[in-house]
Every structure is written in C-alpha cells, then in structure tokens.
Amino acid sequence: MFIRSTTVKTSASGKTYKTYRLVETERVAGKVKQRTLINLGRYFNVPKSDWQMLASRIE
C-alpha cells in the first residue's frame, strides 16, 4: 500500500489542486491492478516523509 498524490483540475474554474489516496496494488491474472482504498481528501497535512509509515500502519 502507498499514498498517491493526484492533481485534479476543476471544470468550472480551471483551478488545479491535489488530492490524496491510499492505494493498494495487487497482481490479478498476470496483470497489475491498483485500487483506491481510502480517499484521504484535499487537506491531507502529513509530511511526505511519513507517508510510508502511515500506509503500513493502516495495513
């Protein structure tokens, strides 16, 4: 599991912002699949250096 930062652009105003997600990776039938477990939202104030520790604790 890992935390992914994704840049999103709003269609109404054209502004961009980042959203954060907890993602799980697994291999299914020889292909790598990733699925979002938790949408952590836009205001995720955990330093990037702590993301791996947080993901492993949630696991």
Protein backbone atom coordinates (compact mmCIF):
# COMPACT_ATOMS: atom_id res chain seq x y z
CA MET A 1 0.00 0.00 0.00
CA PHE A 2 1.08 3.53 -0.63
CA ILE A 3 -0.28 7.06 -0.66
CA ARG A 4 -0.70 8.69 -4.05
CA SER A 5 -0.92 12.39 -4.74
CA THR A 6 -3.11 13.22 -7.74
CA THR A 7 -3.52 16.61 -9.42
CA VAL A 8 -7.13 17.45 -10.28
CA LYS A 9 -8.38 20.30 -12.44
CA THR A 10 -11.87 21.67 -11.85
CA SER A 11 -14.01 22.07 -14.94
CA ALA A 12 -15.85 25.16 -13.70
CA SER A 13 -12.96 27.44 -12.78
CA GLY A 14 -9.99 25.61 -14.29
CA LYS A 15 -8.08 25.70 -11.00
CA THR A 16 -5.88 22.76 -10.05
CA TYR A 17 -5.46 21.17 -6.65
CA LYS A 18 -4.06 17.96 -5.21
CA THR A 19 -5.99 15.12 -3.66
CA TYR A 20 -4.51 12.17 -1.76
CA ARG A 21 -5.48 8.48 -1.82
CA LEU A 22 -4.41 5.28 -0.12
CA VAL A 23 -3.82 2.79 -2.95
CA GLU A 24 -3.35 -0.99 -2.91
CA THR A 25 -1.50 -2.85 -5.67
CA GLU A 26 -2.13 -6.50 -6.48
CA ARG A 27 -1.44 -8.86 -9.35
CA VAL A 28 -4.55 -10.46 -10.88
CA ALA A 29 -4.29 -12.91 -13.78
CA GLY A 30 -0.77 -11.71 -14.57
CA LYS A 31 -1.72 -8.02 -14.63
CA VAL A 32 -1.03 -5.37 -12.03
CA LYS A 33 -4.19 -3.78 -10.67
CA GLN A 34 -4.35 -0.77 -8.38
CA ARG A 35 -7.40 0.21 -6.41
CA THR A 36 -8.16 3.11 -4.15
CA LEU A 37 -8.91 2.01 -0.60
CA ILE A 38 -9.41 5.41 1.01
CA ASN A 39 -9.72 8.87 -0.45
CA LEU A 40 -7.76 10.97 2.03
CA GLY A 41 -9.07 14.18 0.55
CA ARG A 42 -7.66 17.50 -0.38
CA TYR A 43 -6.41 18.65 3.04
CA PHE A 44 -4.01 15.83 3.93
CA ASN A 45 -1.39 17.51 6.14
CA VAL A 46 1.00 14.62 6.80
CA PRO A 47 4.62 15.20 5.68
CA LYS A 48 5.62 13.09 2.68
CA SER A 49 8.42 11.51 4.71
CA ASP A 50 5.76 9.90 6.96
CA TRP A 51 3.50 8.53 4.20
CA GLN A 52 5.09 5.06 4.09
CA MET A 53 4.84 4.65 7.86
CA LEU A 54 1.19 5.72 7.81
CA ALA A 55 0.34 3.34 4.95
CA SER A 56 1.98 0.41 6.74
CA ARG A 57 0.08 1.17 9.96
CA ILE A 58 -3.24 1.22 8.14
CA GLU A 59 -2.39 -2.11 6.52
